[in-house]
Amino acid sequence: MLFDLHLHSRYSIDALSKPSTIVKICKKNSWGFSLTDHNNMNAYTKGKIKELAKKAKVLLIPGEEIKVVENGKVKGEIIAYFLKKEIEPTSFAEILDEAKKQDALLSCPHPFEWSRKNYKDFPKNHKKFVSMEIYNARAYYRKLNLKAFDYYEENLKNSIAPLGVSDAHTPEEIGNGLTKIEATTLEEVRKELKKGNTKAIPRAKAGFSRHLQTQLARRHWMDPR
């Protein structure tokens, strides 16, 4: 089964996709997905994303993209899958502790993309993660995905799950990057991620217009769709 394991809804300050639109697109393409909004799970508590996905029979892995803050400074972002409740921005140690309490799994998004809050301490803390993105369709530069791929191949192959993701902030981007996992249930997804049994599938790159829409969304100059 194919999954888009990193995408955003209107509940992220810089995104435009309605929860209902996300579910509709994933349903049409038979994709599972993880909705990983920035520093909140409002799509789950307010946007009824779980109910929408369940009704449409679309597999949803609850998630969040969380800002790591150490001594008042942003150290990057990490993703937690299988969350039961929101984790607020805080230190890596506190995020890790809360993730363990919730039996969640950590993933490293855009690990070397300095322009988009990559988690700088990933290389030394990689054993705390079950997966890392080796293809992110929103990477500004192709070489940043290549660096992630090379790092995985040289250092972490067979010890961490490689992911392909869209990091979609608009409906049109959903599915630009996918991950193949031999799983049809949440528990199977969890097991395969922990085993590293995944395959990243690059499909398309987000163009300039999609990044521009992100900036317009921040200013509330575009309506969600």
Protein backbone atom coordinates (compact mmCIF):
# COMPACT_ATOMS: atom_id res chain seq x y z
CA MET A 1 0.00 0.00 0.00
CA LEU A 2 1.16 3.55 -0.71
CA PHE A 3 1.24 6.26 1.95
CA ASP A 4 1.85 10.00 2.08
CA LEU A 5 3.32 10.32 5.56
CA HIS A 6 3.89 14.08 5.77
CA LEU A 7 1.25 16.59 4.77
CA HIS A 8 -0.50 19.62 6.20
CA SER A 9 -4.04 20.94 6.47
CA ARG A 10 -5.54 24.39 6.93
CA TYR A 11 -4.77 23.97 10.64
CA SER A 12 -1.12 24.67 9.82
CA ILE A 13 -0.56 28.41 9.51
CA ASP A 14 0.97 28.05 6.05
CA ALA A 15 -1.31 25.43 4.46
CA LEU A 16 -4.56 25.50 2.51
CA SER A 17 -5.93 21.94 2.36
CA LYS A 18 -9.23 21.21 4.06
CA PRO A 19 -9.35 17.89 5.95
CA SER A 20 -12.24 16.78 3.75
CA THR A 21 -10.21 17.52 0.61
CA ILE A 22 -7.23 15.54 1.88
CA VAL A 23 -9.39 12.51 2.60
CA LYS A 24 -11.12 12.78 -0.79
CA ILE A 25 -7.80 12.82 -2.68
CA CYS A 26 -6.35 9.92 -0.70
CA LYS A 27 -9.55 7.93 -1.13
CA LYS A 28 -9.53 8.48 -4.90
CA ASN A 29 -5.95 7.23 -5.17
CA SER A 30 -6.17 4.45 -2.54
CA TRP A 31 -3.44 6.07 -0.44
CA GLY A 32 -3.05 5.99 3.31
CA PHE A 33 -1.71 9.15 4.94
CA SER A 34 -0.49 10.91 8.05
CA LEU A 35 -1.68 14.45 8.69
CA THR A 36 1.24 16.18 10.41
CA ASP A 37 0.31 19.80 11.05
CA HIS A 38 2.78 22.21 12.60
CA ASN A 39 2.72 22.09 16.41
CA ASN A 40 -0.94 21.16 16.76
CA MET A 41 -3.49 18.40 16.24
CA ASN A 42 -6.49 20.65 15.71
CA ALA A 43 -7.46 18.78 12.56
CA TYR A 44 -8.06 15.78 14.82
CA THR A 45 -9.85 17.62 17.64
CA LYS A 46 -11.70 20.24 15.57
CA GLY A 47 -11.46 19.23 11.92
CA LYS A 48 -12.82 15.71 12.41
CA ILE A 49 -10.12 14.20 10.22
CA LYS A 50 -10.36 10.82 11.98
CA GLU A 51 -14.10 10.62 11.44
CA LEU A 52 -13.76 11.65 7.80
CA ALA A 53 -11.04 9.08 7.14
CA LYS A 54 -12.94 6.31 8.93
CA LYS A 55 -16.11 7.02 6.95
CA ALA A 56 -14.17 6.97 3.67
CA LYS A 57 -12.23 3.84 4.74
CA VAL A 58 -8.90 5.63 4.32
CA LEU A 59 -6.04 4.57 6.60
CA LEU A 60 -4.88 7.51 8.73
CA ILE A 61 -1.80 7.52 10.97
CA PRO A 62 -2.24 10.29 13.58
CA GLY A 63 0.76 12.60 13.56
CA GLU A 64 2.25 16.02 14.21
CA GLU A 65 5.29 17.99 13.08
CA ILE A 66 6.81 19.39 16.26
CA LYS A 67 9.28 22.23 16.71
CA VAL A 68 12.35 21.35 18.79
CA VAL A 69 13.41 24.20 21.09
CA GLU A 70 16.59 24.07 23.18
CA ASN A 71 17.48 26.96 25.51
CA GLY A 72 15.11 29.27 23.68
CA LYS A 73 16.52 28.46 20.24
CA VAL A 74 14.80 26.47 17.48
CA LYS A 75 16.83 23.34 16.72
CA GLY A 76 14.57 22.04 13.99
CA GLU A 77 11.43 19.95 13.57
CA ILE A 78 10.61 16.29 14.07
CA ILE A 79 7.52 14.23 13.30
CA ALA A 80 5.76 11.91 15.72
CA TYR A 81 3.45 9.16 14.39
CA PHE A 82 0.71 7.31 16.26
CA LEU A 83 0.10 10.19 18.63
CA LYS A 84 -2.92 10.22 20.90
CA LYS A 85 -2.65 13.90 21.80
CA GLU A 86 -0.73 17.01 20.79
CA ILE A 87 2.86 17.64 21.85
CA GLU A 88 3.79 21.31 22.18
CA PRO A 89 7.16 22.71 21.02
CA THR A 90 9.83 21.85 23.59
CA SER A 91 13.24 20.19 23.95
CA PHE A 92 14.10 16.99 22.14
CA ALA A 93 14.38 15.13 25.45
CA GLU A 94 10.89 16.20 26.49
CA ILE A 95 9.41 15.37 23.08
CA LEU A 96 11.06 11.95 23.22
CA ASP A 97 9.73 11.36 26.74
CA GLU A 98 6.18 12.33 25.76
CA ALA A 99 6.36 10.26 22.58
CA LYS A 100 7.35 7.21 24.64
CA LYS A 101 4.42 7.80 26.98
CA GLN A 102 2.08 7.80 23.98
CA ASP A 103 3.82 4.84 22.32
CA ALA A 104 4.53 7.10 19.35
CA LEU A 105 7.31 6.73 16.77
CA LEU A 106 9.67 9.52 15.74
CA SER A 107 10.64 10.43 12.18
CA CYS A 108 13.09 13.02 10.88
CA PRO A 109 11.65 15.32 8.18
CA HIS A 110 13.86 17.04 5.57
CA PRO A 111 16.98 16.08 7.61
CA PHE A 112 19.48 18.32 5.80
CA GLU A 113 17.31 21.15 4.54
CA TRP A 114 18.76 24.08 6.46
CA SER A 115 16.24 26.48 4.91
CA ARG A 116 13.27 24.64 6.46
CA LYS A 117 14.13 23.89 10.09
CA ASN A 118 15.97 20.59 9.70
CA TYR A 119 16.72 18.89 13.03
CA LYS A 120 20.44 19.55 13.28
CA ASP A 121 21.15 16.91 15.91
CA PHE A 122 19.64 14.06 13.90
CA PRO A 123 23.01 12.42 13.08
CA LYS A 124 23.92 12.03 16.76
CA ASN A 125 20.39 11.11 17.87
CA HIS A 126 19.37 8.92 14.93
CA LYS A 127 18.88 5.84 17.12
CA LYS A 128 15.85 7.56 18.67
CA PHE A 129 14.10 7.62 15.28
CA VAL A 130 12.43 4.81 13.34
CA SER A 131 12.36 6.66 10.01
CA MET A 132 13.79 9.54 8.01
CA GLU A 133 12.75 11.31 4.84
CA ILE A 134 15.05 10.66 1.90
CA TYR A 135 12.67 12.34 -0.54
CA ASN A 136 10.66 15.44 0.36
CA ALA A 137 8.79 16.91 -2.61
CA ARG A 138 9.02 20.42 -1.14
CA ALA A 139 12.82 20.48 -0.98
CA TYR A 140 14.01 23.77 -2.44
CA TYR A 141 17.08 22.15 -3.96
CA ARG A 142 17.42 18.67 -5.43
CA LYS A 143 20.83 18.23 -3.80
CA LEU A 144 19.22 18.34 -0.33
CA ASN A 145 17.20 15.21 -1.09
CA LEU A 146 20.30 13.62 -2.58
CA LYS A 147 22.23 14.41 0.60
CA ALA A 148 19.52 12.73 2.68
CA PHE A 149 19.54 9.71 0.37
CA ASP A 150 23.35 9.44 0.47
CA TYR A 151 23.42 9.76 4.26
CA TYR A 152 20.85 6.99 4.54
CA GLU A 153 22.72 4.71 2.13
CA GLU A 154 26.10 5.26 3.78
CA ASN A 155 25.11 5.28 7.44
CA LEU A 156 21.60 4.04 8.20
CA LYS A 157 20.59 1.55 5.53
CA ASN A 158 18.85 -1.47 7.07
CA SER A 159 18.58 0.30 10.44
CA ILE A 160 15.97 3.00 9.76
CA ALA A 161 12.94 3.27 7.47
CA PRO A 162 13.40 5.51 4.40
CA LEU A 163 10.41 7.67 3.50
CA GLY A 164 9.18 9.54 0.46
CA VAL A 165 6.72 12.31 1.31
CA SER A 166 4.93 15.23 -0.31
CA ASP A 167 5.03 17.64 2.66
CA ALA A 168 1.93 18.99 0.91
CA HIS A 169 0.62 22.39 1.94
CA THR A 170 -1.91 22.55 -0.91
CA PRO A 171 -4.26 19.87 -2.29
CA GLU A 172 -2.42 19.70 -5.59
CA GLU A 173 0.77 18.52 -3.89
CA ILE A 174 -0.66 15.50 -2.10
CA GLY A 175 1.06 12.35 -3.33
CA ASN A 176 4.09 14.11 -4.83
CA GLY A 177 6.16 11.83 -2.63
CA LEU A 178 4.97 8.44 -1.38
CA THR A 179 6.17 5.53 0.71
CA LYS A 180 5.40 1.91 -0.10
CA ILE A 181 4.63 -0.19 2.96
CA GLU A 182 3.29 -3.73 2.90
CA ALA A 183 0.55 -2.89 5.38
CA THR A 184 -3.20 -2.34 5.46
CA THR A 185 -3.71 -1.66 9.18
CA LEU A 186 -2.24 0.77 11.70
CA GLU A 187 -0.50 -2.01 13.60
CA GLU A 188 1.04 -3.38 10.40
CA VAL A 189 2.31 0.10 9.50
CA ARG A 190 3.87 0.42 12.94
CA LYS A 191 5.61 -2.96 12.65
CA GLU A 192 6.98 -2.30 9.17
CA LEU A 193 8.28 1.15 10.11
CA LYS A 194 10.10 -0.32 13.10
CA LYS A 195 11.59 -3.02 10.88
CA GLY A 196 12.65 -0.47 8.26
CA ASN A 197 10.59 -2.23 5.59
CA THR A 198 9.64 0.76 3.45
CA LYS A 199 10.41 2.11 0.00
CA ALA A 200 10.51 5.82 -0.88
CA ILE A 201 8.82 6.75 -4.15
CA PRO A 202 9.58 10.21 -5.61
CA ARG A 203 6.81 11.36 -7.94
CA ALA A 204 6.97 15.13 -8.47
CA LYS A 205 8.54 18.29 -7.09
CA ALA A 206 6.54 21.20 -5.69
CA GLY A 207 6.92 24.17 -8.01
CA PHE A 208 7.46 27.84 -7.17
CA SER A 209 3.73 28.56 -7.27
CA ARG A 210 3.09 26.10 -4.42
CA HIS A 211 5.71 27.76 -2.23
CA LEU A 212 4.18 31.12 -3.08
CA GLN A 213 0.76 29.89 -1.96
CA THR A 214 2.33 28.94 1.36
CA GLN A 215 3.32 32.56 1.90
CA LEU A 216 -0.12 33.78 0.84
CA ALA A 217 -1.73 31.34 3.28
CA ARG A 218 0.35 32.82 6.10
CA ARG A 219 -1.15 36.22 5.32
CA HIS A 220 -4.67 34.82 4.94
CA TRP A 221 -4.73 36.00 1.34
CA MET A 222 -6.01 32.67 0.02
CA ASP A 223 -8.97 30.59 1.13
CA PRO A 224 -8.63 26.92 2.14
CA ARG A 225 -9.80 24.43 -0.46
